[in-house]
Amino acid sequence: MSDDINPKGYLFNMKKPETNSDYFGFVLVIAFFSAVAGVSGHELLHHKELHNKIIGTWPFTRIMCSTFLDEHLKGHHKLVATYDDGATARKNETVYTFILRNMSTSR
């Protein structure tokens, strides 16, 4: 039958990464596709249609940040480049200070 599960198929025979270069390649590929999904989702959130906003929220649910739509559009867009915007670096702020401040002040 065509709907039988074949445990000898390709997906069942994939091996886990065994060497450091295998792990590095795996992490690199996952990071790349996660970045593409995040950027695509971010851009879809700017569209007015409801289906685009729903699809744009999906990549952020993978990282448990399903509130990105409200936070980004209603918070960051209104407060951009002001002192109250947690996503805007302050003048002469180091990247490390910005990351710590951003993580602690996220709405």
PDB file of N, CA and C in Angstrom:
ATOM      1  N   MET A   1       0.831  -1.182   0.000  1.00  0.00           N
ATOM      2  CA  MET A   1       0.000   0.000   0.000  1.00  0.00           C
ATOM      3  C   MET A   1       0.878   1.249   0.000  1.00  0.00           C
ATOM      4  N   SER A   2       0.368   2.297  -0.584  1.00  0.00           N
ATOM      5  CA  SER A   2       1.160   3.518  -0.700  1.00  0.00           C
ATOM      6  C   SER A   2       1.213   4.308   0.610  1.00  0.00           C
ATOM      7  N   ASP A   3       0.291   4.058   1.529  1.00  0.00           N
ATOM      8  CA  ASP A   3       0.287   4.837   2.765  1.00  0.00           C
ATOM      9  C   ASP A   3       0.982   4.121   3.922  1.00  0.00           C
ATOM     10  N   ASP A   4       1.673   3.045   3.659  1.00  0.00           N
ATOM     11  CA  ASP A   4       2.442   2.363   4.704  1.00  0.00           C
ATOM     12  C   ASP A   4       3.690   3.177   5.032  1.00  0.00           C
ATOM     13  N   ILE A   5       4.040   3.210   6.306  1.00  0.00           N
ATOM     14  CA  ILE A   5       5.258   3.899   6.718  1.00  0.00           C
ATOM     15  C   ILE A   5       6.437   2.980   6.444  1.00  0.00           C
ATOM     16  N   ASN A   6       7.423   3.498   5.758  1.00  0.00           N
ATOM     17  CA  ASN A   6       8.602   2.734   5.414  1.00  0.00           C
ATOM     18  C   ASN A   6       9.741   3.150   6.342  1.00  0.00           C
ATOM     19  N   PRO A   7      10.042   2.379   7.386  1.00  0.00           N
ATOM     20  CA  PRO A   7      11.097   2.776   8.306  1.00  0.00           C
ATOM     21  C   PRO A   7      12.482   2.752   7.678  1.00  0.00           C
ATOM     22  N   LYS A   8      12.613   2.266   6.464  1.00  0.00           N
ATOM     23  CA  LYS A   8      13.900   2.267   5.779  1.00  0.00           C
ATOM     24  C   LYS A   8      14.016   3.453   4.826  1.00  0.00           C
ATOM     25  N   GLY A   9      13.047   4.375   4.897  1.00  0.00           N
ATOM     26  CA  GLY A   9      13.060   5.543   4.018  1.00  0.00           C
ATOM     27  C   GLY A   9      14.133   6.541   4.409  1.00  0.00           C
ATOM     28  N   TYR A  10      14.286   7.581   3.598  1.00  0.00           N
ATOM     29  CA  TYR A  10      15.348   8.572   3.757  1.00  0.00           C
ATOM     30  C   TYR A  10      15.296   9.266   5.119  1.00  0.00           C
ATOM     31  N   LEU A  11      14.113   9.743   5.530  1.00  0.00           N
ATOM     32  CA  LEU A  11      14.022  10.498   6.780  1.00  0.00           C
ATOM     33  C   LEU A  11      14.329   9.643   8.002  1.00  0.00           C
ATOM     34  N   PHE A  12      14.059   8.354   7.919  1.00  0.00           N
ATOM     35  CA  PHE A  12      14.308   7.481   9.064  1.00  0.00           C
ATOM     36  C   PHE A  12      15.775   7.062   9.151  1.00  0.00           C
ATOM     37  N   ASN A  13      16.517   7.234   8.085  1.00  0.00           N
ATOM     38  CA  ASN A  13      17.917   6.818   8.061  1.00  0.00           C
ATOM     39  C   ASN A  13      18.892   7.973   8.241  1.00  0.00           C
ATOM     40  N   MET A  14      18.387   9.170   8.506  1.00  0.00           N
ATOM     41  CA  MET A  14      19.284  10.306   8.695  1.00  0.00           C
ATOM     42  C   MET A  14      20.037  10.150  10.004  1.00  0.00           C
ATOM     43  N   LYS A  15      21.334  10.406   9.953  1.00  0.00           N
ATOM     44  CA  LYS A  15      22.158  10.281  11.152  1.00  0.00           C
ATOM     45  C   LYS A  15      22.315  11.653  11.797  1.00  0.00           C
ATOM     46  N   LYS A  16      22.527  11.643  13.102  1.00  0.00           N
ATOM     47  CA  LYS A  16      22.798  12.908  13.782  1.00  0.00           C
ATOM     48  C   LYS A  16      24.225  13.332  13.463  1.00  0.00           C
ATOM     49  N   PRO A  17      24.512  14.642  13.585  1.00  0.00           N
ATOM     50  CA  PRO A  17      25.876  15.106  13.328  1.00  0.00           C
ATOM     51  C   PRO A  17      26.862  14.430  14.275  1.00  0.00           C
ATOM     52  N   GLU A  18      27.978  13.965  13.728  1.00  0.00           N
ATOM     53  CA  GLU A  18      28.946  13.233  14.536  1.00  0.00           C
ATOM     54  C   GLU A  18      30.248  13.993  14.760  1.00  0.00           C
ATOM     55  N   THR A  19      30.590  14.888  13.857  1.00  0.00           N
ATOM     56  CA  THR A  19      31.843  15.631  14.000  1.00  0.00           C
ATOM     57  C   THR A  19      31.536  17.099  14.292  1.00  0.00           C
ATOM     58  N   ASN A  20      32.563  17.825  14.696  1.00  0.00           N
ATOM     59  CA  ASN A  20      32.379  19.251  14.964  1.00  0.00           C
ATOM     60  C   ASN A  20      31.965  20.007  13.709  1.00  0.00           C
ATOM     61  N   SER A  21      32.514  19.625  12.569  1.00  0.00           N
ATOM     62  CA  SER A  21      32.135  20.299  11.334  1.00  0.00           C
ATOM     63  C   SER A  21      30.684  19.986  10.957  1.00  0.00           C
ATOM     64  N   ASP A  22      30.210  18.789  11.258  1.00  0.00           N
ATOM     65  CA  ASP A  22      28.803  18.455  11.024  1.00  0.00           C
ATOM     66  C   ASP A  22      27.895  19.323  11.890  1.00  0.00           C
ATOM     67  N   TYR A  23      28.261  19.471  13.174  1.00  0.00           N
ATOM     68  CA  TYR A  23      27.470  20.314  14.072  1.00  0.00           C
ATOM     69  C   TYR A  23      27.492  21.769  13.607  1.00  0.00           C
ATOM     70  N   PHE A  24      28.663  22.259  13.214  1.00  0.00           N
ATOM     71  CA  PHE A  24      28.783  23.635  12.748  1.00  0.00           C
ATOM     72  C   PHE A  24      27.913  23.864  11.518  1.00  0.00           C
ATOM     73  N   GLY A  25      27.958  22.943  10.568  1.00  0.00           N
ATOM     74  CA  GLY A  25      27.133  23.061   9.374  1.00  0.00           C
ATOM     75  C   GLY A  25      25.648  23.028   9.699  1.00  0.00           C
ATOM     76  N   PHE A  26      25.266  22.153  10.605  1.00  0.00           N
ATOM     77  CA  PHE A  26      23.868  22.047  11.016  1.00  0.00           C
ATOM     78  C   PHE A  26      23.395  23.356  11.643  1.00  0.00           C
ATOM     79  N   VAL A  27      24.182  23.891  12.567  1.00  0.00           N
ATOM     80  CA  VAL A  27      23.817  25.144  13.232  1.00  0.00           C
ATOM     81  C   VAL A  27      23.775  26.289  12.225  1.00  0.00           C
ATOM     82  N   LEU A  28      24.708  26.328  11.303  1.00  0.00           N
ATOM     83  CA  LEU A  28      24.750  27.376  10.294  1.00  0.00           C
ATOM     84  C   LEU A  28      23.498  27.348   9.410  1.00  0.00           C
ATOM     85  N   VAL A  29      23.091  26.173   8.984  1.00  0.00           N
ATOM     86  CA  VAL A  29      21.905  26.049   8.129  1.00  0.00           C
ATOM     87  C   VAL A  29      20.645  26.441   8.902  1.00  0.00           C
ATOM     88  N   ILE A  30      20.505  25.963  10.136  1.00  0.00           N
ATOM     89  CA  ILE A  30      19.333  26.300  10.943  1.00  0.00           C
ATOM     90  C   ILE A  30      19.293  27.801  11.215  1.00  0.00           C
ATOM     91  N   ALA A  31      20.429  28.407  11.524  1.00  0.00           N
ATOM     92  CA  ALA A  31      20.482  29.849  11.786  1.00  0.00           C
ATOM     93  C   ALA A  31      20.102  30.641  10.545  1.00  0.00           C
ATOM     94  N   PHE A  32      20.584  30.208   9.385  1.00  0.00           N
ATOM     95  CA  PHE A  32      20.265  30.915   8.140  1.00  0.00           C
ATOM     96  C   PHE A  32      18.767  30.890   7.866  1.00  0.00           C
ATOM     97  N   PHE A  33      18.165  29.709   7.932  1.00  0.00           N
ATOM     98  CA  PHE A  33      16.741  29.609   7.634  1.00  0.00           C
ATOM     99  C   PHE A  33      15.884  30.278   8.708  1.00  0.00           C
ATOM    100  N   SER A  34      16.347  30.301   9.941  1.00  0.00           N
ATOM    101  CA  SER A  34      15.630  31.025  10.994  1.00  0.00           C
ATOM    102  C   SER A  34      15.676  32.525  10.731  1.00  0.00           C
ATOM    103  N   ALA A  35      16.812  33.023  10.289  1.00  0.00           N
ATOM    104  CA  ALA A  35      16.929  34.451   9.970  1.00  0.00           C
ATOM    105  C   ALA A  35      16.036  34.820   8.793  1.00  0.00           C
ATOM    106  N   VAL A  36      16.006  33.980   7.770  1.00  0.00           N
ATOM    107  CA  VAL A  36      15.142  34.238   6.615  1.00  0.00           C
ATOM    108  C   VAL A  36      13.675  34.243   7.048  1.00  0.00           C
ATOM    109  N   ALA A  37      13.288  33.290   7.890  1.00  0.00           N
ATOM    110  CA  ALA A  37      11.907  33.229   8.368  1.00  0.00           C
ATOM    111  C   ALA A  37      11.566  34.454   9.206  1.00  0.00           C
ATOM    112  N   GLY A  38      12.495  34.891  10.057  1.00  0.00           N
ATOM    113  CA  GLY A  38      12.243  36.060  10.892  1.00  0.00           C
ATOM    114  C   GLY A  38      12.071  37.333  10.080  1.00  0.00           C
ATOM    115  N   VAL A  39      12.937  37.528   9.089  1.00  0.00           N
ATOM    116  CA  VAL A  39      12.842  38.721   8.241  1.00  0.00           C
ATOM    117  C   VAL A  39      11.563  38.680   7.411  1.00  0.00           C
ATOM    118  N   SER A  40      11.239  37.524   6.875  1.00  0.00           N
ATOM    119  CA  SER A  40      10.014  37.395   6.076  1.00  0.00           C
ATOM    120  C   SER A  40       8.780  37.638   6.934  1.00  0.00           C
ATOM    121  N   GLY A  41       8.772  37.047   8.127  1.00  0.00           N
ATOM    122  CA  GLY A  41       7.649  37.255   9.037  1.00  0.00           C
ATOM    123  C   GLY A  41       7.508  38.710   9.427  1.00  0.00           C
ATOM    124  N   HIS A  42       8.637  39.367   9.694  1.00  0.00           N
ATOM    125  CA  HIS A  42       8.623  40.785  10.063  1.00  0.00           C
ATOM    126  C   HIS A  42       8.010  41.625   8.955  1.00  0.00           C
ATOM    127  N   GLU A  43       8.388  41.353   7.722  1.00  0.00           N
ATOM    128  CA  GLU A  43       7.842  42.127   6.606  1.00  0.00           C
ATOM    129  C   GLU A  43       6.359  41.834   6.382  1.00  0.00           C
ATOM    130  N   LEU A  44       5.940  40.592   6.588  1.00  0.00           N
ATOM    131  CA  LEU A  44       4.521  40.271   6.432  1.00  0.00           C
ATOM    132  C   LEU A  44       3.663  40.968   7.480  1.00  0.00           C
ATOM    133  N   LEU A  45       4.216  41.227   8.644  1.00  0.00           N
ATOM    134  CA  LEU A  45       3.458  41.913   9.691  1.00  0.00           C
ATOM    135  C   LEU A  45       3.117  43.347   9.299  1.00  0.00           C
ATOM    136  N   HIS A  46       3.862  43.927   8.373  1.00  0.00           N
ATOM    137  CA  HIS A  46       3.594  45.294   7.942  1.00  0.00           C
ATOM    138  C   HIS A  46       2.452  45.386   6.937  1.00  0.00           C
ATOM    139  N   HIS A  47       1.988  44.271   6.411  1.00  0.00           N
ATOM    140  CA  HIS A  47       0.877  44.281   5.461  1.00  0.00           C
ATOM    141  C   HIS A  47      -0.437  44.461   6.209  1.00  0.00           C
ATOM    142  N   LYS A  48      -1.446  44.948   5.518  1.00  0.00           N
ATOM    143  CA  LYS A  48      -2.732  45.228   6.163  1.00  0.00           C
ATOM    144  C   LYS A  48      -3.652  44.011   6.217  1.00  0.00           C
ATOM    145  N   GLU A  49      -3.454  43.054   5.329  1.00  0.00           N
ATOM    146  CA  GLU A  49      -4.354  41.902   5.267  1.00  0.00           C
ATOM    147  C   GLU A  49      -4.133  40.986   6.467  1.00  0.00           C
ATOM    148  N   LEU A  50      -5.226  40.460   7.007  1.00  0.00           N
ATOM    149  CA  LEU A  50      -5.170  39.615   8.197  1.00  0.00           C
ATOM    150  C   LEU A  50      -4.365  38.345   7.945  1.00  0.00           C
ATOM    151  N   HIS A  51      -4.537  37.735   6.771  1.00  0.00           N
ATOM    152  CA  HIS A  51      -3.817  36.479   6.514  1.00  0.00           C
ATOM    153  C   HIS A  51      -2.304  36.702   6.491  1.00  0.00           C
ATOM    154  N   ASN A  52      -1.850  37.856   6.014  1.00  0.00           N
ATOM    155  CA  ASN A  52      -0.414  38.147   6.043  1.00  0.00           C
ATOM    156  C   ASN A  52       0.088  38.309   7.468  1.00  0.00           C
ATOM    157  N   LYS A  53      -0.703  38.938   8.316  1.00  0.00           N
ATOM    158  CA  LYS A  53      -0.307  39.111   9.718  1.00  0.00           C
ATOM    159  C   LYS A  53      -0.250  37.765  10.439  1.00  0.00           C
ATOM    160  N   ILE A  54      -1.185  36.874  10.139  1.00  0.00           N
ATOM    161  CA  ILE A  54      -1.194  35.547  10.770  1.00  0.00           C
ATOM    162  C   ILE A  54       0.035  34.750  10.321  1.00  0.00           C
ATOM    163  N   ILE A  55       0.300  34.738   9.018  1.00  0.00           N
ATOM    164  CA  ILE A  55       1.459  34.002   8.501  1.00  0.00           C
ATOM    165  C   ILE A  55       2.755  34.631   9.016  1.00  0.00           C
ATOM    166  N   GLY A  56       2.800  35.957   9.134  1.00  0.00           N
ATOM    167  CA  GLY A  56       3.988  36.639   9.625  1.00  0.00           C
ATOM    168  C   GLY A  56       4.276  36.377  11.090  1.00  0.00           C
ATOM    169  N   THR A  57       3.260  35.986  11.846  1.00  0.00           N
ATOM    170  CA  THR A  57       3.442  35.690  13.271  1.00  0.00           C
ATOM    171  C   THR A  57       4.037  34.299  13.481  1.00  0.00           C
ATOM    172  N   TRP A  58       3.845  33.381  12.563  1.00  0.00           N
ATOM    173  CA  TRP A  58       4.303  31.996  12.726  1.00  0.00           C
ATOM    174  C   TRP A  58       5.784  31.854  13.043  1.00  0.00           C
ATOM    175  N   PRO A  59       6.694  32.526  12.318  1.00  0.00           N
ATOM    176  CA  PRO A  59       8.121  32.343  12.654  1.00  0.00           C
ATOM    177  C   PRO A  59       8.455  32.761  14.087  1.00  0.00           C
ATOM    178  N   PHE A  60       7.725  33.719  14.630  1.00  0.00           N
ATOM    179  CA  PHE A  60       8.017  34.206  15.976  1.00  0.00           C
ATOM    180  C   PHE A  60       7.444  33.295  17.050  1.00  0.00           C
ATOM    181  N   THR A  61       6.473  32.479  16.711  1.00  0.00           N
ATOM    182  CA  THR A  61       5.950  31.527  17.695  1.00  0.00           C
ATOM    183  C   THR A  61       6.968  30.419  17.950  1.00  0.00           C
ATOM    184  N   ARG A  62       7.841  30.157  17.002  1.00  0.00           N
ATOM    185  CA  ARG A  62       8.884  29.139  17.213  1.00  0.00           C
ATOM    186  C   ARG A  62       9.843  29.535  18.311  1.00  0.00           C
ATOM    187  N   ILE A  63      10.059  30.829  18.487  1.00  0.00           N
ATOM    188  CA  ILE A  63      10.960  31.290  19.534  1.00  0.00           C
ATOM    189  C   ILE A  63      10.174  31.859  20.719  1.00  0.00           C
ATOM    190  N   MET A  64       8.905  31.451  20.818  1.00  0.00           N
ATOM    191  CA  MET A  64       8.021  31.847  21.923  1.00  0.00           C
ATOM    192  C   MET A  64       7.885  33.362  22.024  1.00  0.00           C
ATOM    193  N   CYS A  65       7.748  34.023  20.893  1.00  0.00           N
ATOM    194  CA  CYS A  65       7.586  35.476  20.852  1.00  0.00           C
ATOM    195  C   CYS A  65       6.387  35.825  19.981  1.00  0.00           C
ATOM    196  N   SER A  66       5.239  35.231  20.288  1.00  0.00           N
ATOM    197  CA  SER A  66       4.047  35.455  19.473  1.00  0.00           C
ATOM    198  C   SER A  66       3.467  36.852  19.680  1.00  0.00           C
ATOM    199  N   THR A  67       3.989  37.630  20.620  1.00  0.00           N
ATOM    200  CA  THR A  67       3.519  38.996  20.852  1.00  0.00           C
ATOM    201  C   THR A  67       4.269  40.004  19.988  1.00  0.00           C
ATOM    202  N   PHE A  68       5.127  39.539  19.102  1.00  0.00           N
ATOM    203  CA  PHE A  68       5.943  40.432  18.280  1.00  0.00           C
ATOM    204  C   PHE A  68       5.088  41.393  17.474  1.00  0.00           C
ATOM    205  N   LEU A  69       3.951  40.945  16.953  1.00  0.00           N
ATOM    206  CA  LEU A  69       3.090  41.797  16.130  1.00  0.00           C
ATOM    207  C   LEU A  69       2.677  43.040  16.903  1.00  0.00           C
ATOM    208  N   ASP A  70       2.085  42.863  18.071  1.00  0.00           N
ATOM    209  CA  ASP A  70       1.648  44.016  18.860  1.00  0.00           C
ATOM    210  C   ASP A  70       2.825  44.845  19.341  1.00  0.00           C
ATOM    211  N   GLU A  71       3.842  44.178  19.829  1.00  0.00           N
ATOM    212  CA  GLU A  71       5.003  44.893  20.364  1.00  0.00           C
ATOM    213  C   GLU A  71       5.688  45.718  19.286  1.00  0.00           C
ATOM    214  N   HIS A  72       5.817  45.165  18.109  1.00  0.00           N
ATOM    215  CA  HIS A  72       6.545  45.846  17.045  1.00  0.00           C
ATOM    216  C   HIS A  72       5.743  47.003  16.461  1.00  0.00           C
ATOM    217  N   LEU A  73       4.497  46.732  16.097  1.00  0.00           N
ATOM    218  CA  LEU A  73       3.702  47.755  15.422  1.00  0.00           C
ATOM    219  C   LEU A  73       3.191  48.827  16.374  1.00  0.00           C
ATOM    220  N   LYS A  74       2.748  48.432  17.560  1.00  0.00           N
ATOM    221  CA  LYS A  74       2.153  49.402  18.490  1.00  0.00           C
ATOM    222  C   LYS A  74       3.162  50.006  19.447  1.00  0.00           C
ATOM    223  N   GLY A  75       4.309  49.379  19.622  1.00  0.00           N
ATOM    224  CA  GLY A  75       5.330  49.911  20.518  1.00  0.00           C
ATOM    225  C   GLY A  75       6.464  50.567  19.758  1.00  0.00           C
ATOM    226  N   HIS A  76       7.229  49.764  19.041  1.00  0.00           N
ATOM    227  CA  HIS A  76       8.425  50.255  18.359  1.00  0.00           C
ATOM    228  C   HIS A  76       8.100  51.306  17.298  1.00  0.00           C
ATOM    229  N   HIS A  77       7.061  51.104  16.505  1.00  0.00           N
ATOM    230  CA  HIS A  77       6.766  52.052  15.436  1.00  0.00           C
ATOM    231  C   HIS A  77       6.322  53.403  15.974  1.00  0.00           C
ATOM    232  N   LYS A  78       5.669  53.427  17.120  1.00  0.00           N
ATOM    233  CA  LYS A  78       5.254  54.700  17.711  1.00  0.00           C
ATOM    234  C   LYS A  78       6.402  55.388  18.429  1.00  0.00           C
ATOM    235  N   LEU A  79       7.299  54.598  19.007  1.00  0.00           N
ATOM    236  CA  LEU A  79       8.350  55.159  19.851  1.00  0.00           C
ATOM    237  C   LEU A  79       9.726  55.168  19.198  1.00  0.00           C
ATOM    238  N   VAL A  80       9.817  54.822  17.917  1.00  0.00           N
ATOM    239  CA  VAL A  80      11.107  54.639  17.267  1.00  0.00           C
ATOM    240  C   VAL A  80      11.996  55.876  17.448  1.00  0.00           C
ATOM    241  N   ALA A  81      13.257  55.616  17.786  1.00  0.00           N
ATOM    242  CA  ALA A  81      14.291  56.632  17.963  1.00  0.00           C
ATOM    243  C   ALA A  81      14.022  57.580  19.125  1.00  0.00           C
ATOM    244  N   THR A  82      13.182  57.167  20.071  1.00  0.00           N
ATOM    245  CA  THR A  82      12.975  57.967  21.274  1.00  0.00           C
ATOM    246  C   THR A  82      13.608  57.243  22.454  1.00  0.00           C
ATOM    247  N   TYR A  83      13.683  57.924  23.569  1.00  0.00           N
ATOM    248  CA  TYR A  83      14.281  57.355  24.771  1.00  0.00           C
ATOM    249  C   TYR A  83      13.480  56.156  25.280  1.00  0.00           C
ATOM    250  N   ASP A  84      12.174  56.150  25.042  1.00  0.00           N
ATOM    251  CA  ASP A  84      11.298  55.081  25.542  1.00  0.00           C
ATOM    252  C   ASP A  84      11.320  53.820  24.688  1.00  0.00           C
ATOM    253  N   ASP A  85      11.907  53.880  23.505  1.00  0.00           N
ATOM    254  CA  ASP A  85      11.938  52.718  22.613  1.00  0.00           C
ATOM    255  C   ASP A  85      13.064  51.780  23.021  1.00  0.00           C
ATOM    256  N   GLY A  86      12.682  50.581  23.454  1.00  0.00           N
ATOM    257  CA  GLY A  86      13.680  49.603  23.868  1.00  0.00           C
ATOM    258  C   GLY A  86      14.454  49.006  22.711  1.00  0.00           C
ATOM    259  N   ALA A  87      13.956  49.151  21.480  1.00  0.00           N
ATOM    260  CA  ALA A  87      14.611  48.569  20.315  1.00  0.00           C
ATOM    261  C   ALA A  87      15.520  49.559  19.596  1.00  0.00           C
ATOM    262  N   THR A  88      15.698  50.742  20.152  1.00  0.00           N
ATOM    263  CA  THR A  88      16.595  51.734  19.573  1.00  0.00           C
ATOM    264  C   THR A  88      17.765  51.947  20.521  1.00  0.00           C
ATOM    265  N   ALA A  89      18.974  51.810  20.004  1.00  0.00           N
ATOM    266  CA  ALA A  89      20.163  52.035  20.831  1.00  0.00           C
ATOM    267  C   ALA A  89      20.298  53.517  21.136  1.00  0.00           C
ATOM    268  N   ARG A  90      20.792  53.802  22.320  1.00  0.00           N
ATOM    269  CA  ARG A  90      21.004  55.190  22.719  1.00  0.00           C
ATOM    270  C   ARG A  90      22.378  55.664  22.245  1.00  0.00           C
ATOM    271  N   LYS A  91      22.545  56.950  22.195  1.00  0.00           N
ATOM    272  CA  LYS A  91      23.799  57.534  21.715  1.00  0.00           C
ATOM    273  C   LYS A  91      24.974  57.050  22.570  1.00  0.00           C
ATOM    274  N   ASN A  92      26.024  56.588  21.910  1.00  0.00           N
ATOM    275  CA  ASN A  92      27.262  56.095  22.534  1.00  0.00           C
ATOM    276  C   ASN A  92      27.047  54.850  23.400  1.00  0.00           C
ATOM    277  N   GLU A  93      25.980  54.120  23.196  1.00  0.00           N
ATOM    278  CA  GLU A  93      25.722  52.894  23.963  1.00  0.00           C
ATOM    279  C   GLU A  93      26.435  51.727  23.303  1.00  0.00           C
ATOM    280  N   THR A  94      27.113  50.901  24.097  1.00  0.00           N
ATOM    281  CA  THR A  94      27.783  49.738  23.521  1.00  0.00           C
ATOM    282  C   THR A  94      26.745  48.686  23.156  1.00  0.00           C
ATOM    283  N   VAL A  95      27.122  47.798  22.267  1.00  0.00           N
ATOM    284  CA  VAL A  95      26.189  46.757  21.838  1.00  0.00           C
ATOM    285  C   VAL A  95      25.817  45.850  23.010  1.00  0.00           C
ATOM    286  N   TYR A  96      26.738  45.619  23.927  1.00  0.00           N
ATOM    287  CA  TYR A  96      26.469  44.748  25.067  1.00  0.00           C
ATOM    288  C   TYR A  96      25.485  45.396  26.034  1.00  0.00           C
ATOM    289  N   THR A  97      25.656  46.684  26.276  1.00  0.00           N
ATOM    290  CA  THR A  97      24.721  47.408  27.131  1.00  0.00           C
ATOM    291  C   THR A  97      23.339  47.436  26.487  1.00  0.00           C
ATOM    292  N   PHE A  98      23.311  47.660  25.168  1.00  0.00           N
ATOM    293  CA  PHE A  98      22.034  47.686  24.450  1.00  0.00           C
ATOM    294  C   PHE A  98      21.318  46.349  24.560  1.00  0.00           C
ATOM    295  N   ILE A  99      22.032  45.250  24.376  1.00  0.00           N
ATOM    296  CA  ILE A  99      21.407  43.926  24.446  1.00  0.00           C
ATOM    297  C   ILE A  99      20.835  43.678  25.831  1.00  0.00           C
ATOM    298  N   LEU A 100      21.598  43.975  26.865  1.00  0.00           N
ATOM    299  CA  LEU A 100      21.100  43.776  28.232  1.00  0.00           C
ATOM    300  C   LEU A 100      19.892  44.663  28.523  1.00  0.00           C
ATOM    301  N   ARG A 101      19.938  45.919  28.107  1.00  0.00           N
ATOM    302  CA  ARG A 101      18.811  46.824  28.336  1.00  0.00           C
ATOM    303  C   ARG A 101      17.596  46.382  27.549  1.00  0.00           C
ATOM    304  N   ASN A 102      17.815  45.967  26.317  1.00  0.00           N
ATOM    305  CA  ASN A 102      16.715  45.536  25.472  1.00  0.00           C
ATOM    306  C   ASN A 102      16.033  44.294  26.033  1.00  0.00           C
ATOM    307  N   MET A 103      16.816  43.364  26.539  1.00  0.00           N
ATOM    308  CA  MET A 103      16.244  42.133  27.096  1.00  0.00           C
ATOM    309  C   MET A 103      15.483  42.420  28.388  1.00  0.00           C
ATOM    310  N   SER A 104      15.920  43.377  29.162  1.00  0.00           N
ATOM    311  CA  SER A 104      15.266  43.643  30.432  1.00  0.00           C
ATOM    312  C   SER A 104      14.069  44.570  30.315  1.00  0.00           C
ATOM    313  N   THR A 105      13.967  45.328  29.219  1.00  0.00           N
ATOM    314  CA  THR A 105      12.852  46.274  29.080  1.00  0.00           C
ATOM    315  C   THR A 105      11.850  45.860  28.029  1.00  0.00           C
ATOM    316  N   SER A 106      11.934  44.655  27.515  1.00  0.00           N
ATOM    317  CA  SER A 106      10.972  44.229  26.488  1.00  0.00           C
ATOM    318  C   SER A 106       9.582  44.214  27.080  1.00  0.00           C
ATOM    319  N   ARG A 107       8.658  44.713  26.299  1.00  0.00           N
ATOM    320  CA  ARG A 107       7.272  44.782  26.766  1.00  0.00           C
ATOM    321  C   ARG A 107       6.614  43.451  26.651  1.00  0.00           C
TER     322      ARG A 107
END
